């Protein structure tokens, strides 16, 4: 059985991803990360740069890769109600407990990404919380 490779545990890697230029893969991955950080597609860090002659440069390719990553993340999340990820230096935020190793993102929003998150010390605890979410990915009503 072939295992699907994903970015951020939810976005399937495009078929040509491994054949692409490493810089283009980085732009795509940054687009996915931007979506999950709650940025807008207009927040693309790449700008349309022109040569002195007015001709096009590679900047449009980077813009396209970033926007593809952003859009693919939105499509992948459309069907997800939660996402569990290991806490690393990239996603650790002030206020997170040092002994908590797993981050559960929940309450998906079509434009803003995940709007809720909680941390847990074990994967079992994170899974139990994720299992308690409503079909919409929201907290259960008491």
Protein backbone atom coordinates (compact mmCIF):
# COMPACT_ATOMS: atom_id res chain seq x y z
CA UNK A 1 0.00 0.00 0.00
CA UNK A 2 1.46 3.36 -1.05
CA UNK A 3 1.61 5.94 1.71
CA UNK A 4 0.52 9.46 0.78
CA UNK A 5 3.14 12.08 1.59
CA UNK A 6 1.66 15.24 3.08
CA UNK A 7 2.72 18.67 4.24
CA UNK A 8 1.59 19.67 7.74
CA UNK A 9 -0.09 16.26 8.01
CA UNK A 10 -3.01 17.22 5.81
CA UNK A 11 -2.00 18.69 2.43
CA UNK A 12 -1.14 15.98 -0.15
CA UNK A 13 2.15 16.67 -1.90
CA UNK A 14 1.63 17.35 -5.64
CA UNK A 15 2.86 14.59 -7.96
CA UNK A 16 5.62 16.75 -9.46
CA UNK A 17 6.74 18.10 -6.09
CA UNK A 18 9.88 15.96 -5.82
CA UNK A 19 10.88 16.79 -9.41
CA UNK A 20 10.52 20.53 -8.90
CA UNK A 21 13.34 22.95 -8.18
CA UNK A 22 14.12 23.06 -4.45
CA UNK A 23 13.43 26.80 -4.32
CA UNK A 24 10.00 26.26 -5.92
CA UNK A 25 9.21 23.52 -3.38
CA UNK A 26 10.14 26.01 -0.66
CA UNK A 27 7.75 28.61 -2.09
CA UNK A 28 4.96 26.01 -2.25
CA UNK A 29 5.61 24.89 1.34
CA UNK A 30 5.63 28.52 2.53
CA UNK A 31 2.24 28.99 0.88
CA UNK A 32 0.84 26.00 2.76
CA UNK A 33 2.33 27.32 6.02
CA UNK A 34 0.85 30.76 5.37
CA UNK A 35 -2.63 29.27 5.02
CA UNK A 36 -2.32 27.46 8.34
CA UNK A 37 -0.95 30.62 9.97
CA UNK A 38 -4.14 32.45 9.07
CA UNK A 39 -2.66 34.74 6.43
CA UNK A 40 -4.53 35.89 3.34
CA UNK A 41 -3.59 34.87 -0.19
CA UNK A 42 -2.78 38.57 -0.75
CA UNK A 43 0.01 38.23 1.85
CA UNK A 44 2.26 36.44 -0.65
CA UNK A 45 5.84 37.52 0.15
CA UNK A 46 6.93 37.30 -3.49
CA UNK A 47 6.54 40.36 -5.70
CA UNK A 48 6.29 40.63 -9.48
CA UNK A 49 9.77 41.82 -10.43
CA UNK A 50 10.62 42.95 -13.95
CA UNK A 51 13.98 43.12 -15.66
CA UNK A 52 15.37 46.53 -16.61
CA UNK A 53 14.16 45.85 -20.15
CA UNK A 54 10.62 45.31 -18.83
CA UNK A 55 10.80 41.58 -19.46
CA UNK A 56 9.51 39.00 -17.00
CA UNK A 57 11.65 37.30 -14.37
CA UNK A 58 11.31 34.13 -12.31
CA UNK A 59 9.27 36.01 -9.71
CA UNK A 60 5.97 34.95 -11.26
CA UNK A 61 6.95 31.28 -10.90
CA UNK A 62 7.56 31.80 -7.18
CA UNK A 63 4.26 33.66 -6.82
CA UNK A 64 2.46 30.80 -8.59
CA UNK A 65 4.08 28.12 -6.39
CA UNK A 66 3.25 30.05 -3.21
CA UNK A 67 -0.37 30.60 -4.28
CA UNK A 68 -0.70 26.93 -5.33
CA UNK A 69 0.46 25.85 -1.87
CA UNK A 70 -1.94 28.27 -0.22
CA UNK A 71 -4.87 27.11 -2.37
CA UNK A 72 -4.05 23.40 -1.98
CA UNK A 73 -4.01 23.83 1.81
CA UNK A 74 -7.46 25.43 1.66
CA UNK A 75 -8.84 22.58 -0.45
CA UNK A 76 -7.28 19.93 1.81
CA UNK A 77 -8.68 21.54 4.92
CA UNK A 78 -12.18 21.85 3.48
CA UNK A 79 -12.94 18.29 4.55
CA UNK A 80 -10.92 18.19 7.77
CA UNK A 81 -12.33 18.90 11.21
CA UNK A 82 -9.02 18.88 13.12
CA UNK A 83 -5.28 18.48 12.69
CA UNK A 84 -2.81 17.04 15.21
CA UNK A 85 0.86 17.96 14.87
CA UNK A 86 4.03 17.58 16.89
CA UNK A 87 5.09 20.86 18.49
CA UNK A 88 8.40 22.07 17.06
CA UNK A 89 10.32 25.32 17.04
CA UNK A 90 8.26 26.37 14.02
CA UNK A 91 4.83 26.13 15.65
CA UNK A 92 5.63 26.70 19.35
CA UNK A 93 4.03 29.87 20.66
CA UNK A 94 4.44 31.85 23.90
CA UNK A 95 2.25 30.44 26.64
CA UNK A 96 2.49 26.80 25.51
CA UNK A 97 3.49 24.49 28.35
CA UNK A 98 7.00 23.09 27.94
CA UNK A 99 5.91 19.48 28.60
CA UNK A 100 3.18 19.61 25.96
CA UNK A 101 4.35 17.91 22.77
CA UNK A 102 1.22 17.88 20.58
CA UNK A 103 -0.83 20.69 19.09
CA UNK A 104 -4.44 20.11 18.05
CA UNK A 105 -5.80 22.67 15.62
CA UNK A 106 -9.58 22.67 15.31
CA UNK A 107 -12.59 24.76 14.31
CA UNK A 108 -11.80 25.14 10.59
CA UNK A 109 -12.71 28.37 8.82
CA UNK A 110 -12.77 28.47 4.99
CA UNK A 111 -10.87 31.78 4.80
CA UNK A 112 -8.77 31.93 7.96
CA UNK A 113 -7.64 28.32 8.48
CA UNK A 114 -7.79 26.88 11.96
CA UNK A 115 -9.32 29.22 14.52
CA UNK A 116 -8.76 27.12 17.64
CA UNK A 117 -5.83 25.20 19.10
CA UNK A 118 -4.95 23.30 22.26
CA UNK A 119 -1.81 21.54 23.41
CA UNK A 120 -1.42 18.14 25.05
CA UNK A 121 1.39 16.16 26.65
CA UNK A 122 0.60 12.91 24.81
CA UNK A 123 -0.77 11.84 21.46
CA UNK A 124 -3.48 9.83 23.27
CA UNK A 125 -4.71 12.98 25.05
CA UNK A 126 -4.65 14.94 21.79
CA UNK A 127 -6.56 12.16 20.03
CA UNK A 128 -9.15 11.97 22.81
CA UNK A 129 -9.78 15.71 22.53
CA UNK A 130 -9.98 15.54 18.72
CA UNK A 131 -12.46 12.66 19.02
CA UNK A 132 -14.72 14.81 21.21
CA UNK A 133 -15.11 17.54 18.56
CA UNK A 134 -18.41 17.97 16.73
CA UNK A 135 -18.71 16.92 13.05
CA UNK A 136 -18.02 20.58 12.17
CA UNK A 137 -14.76 20.49 14.15
CA UNK A 138 -16.04 22.64 16.98
CA UNK A 139 -16.00 22.09 20.75
CA UNK A 140 -18.79 19.86 22.06
CA UNK A 141 -21.71 21.64 23.67
CA UNK A 142 -22.13 20.96 27.37
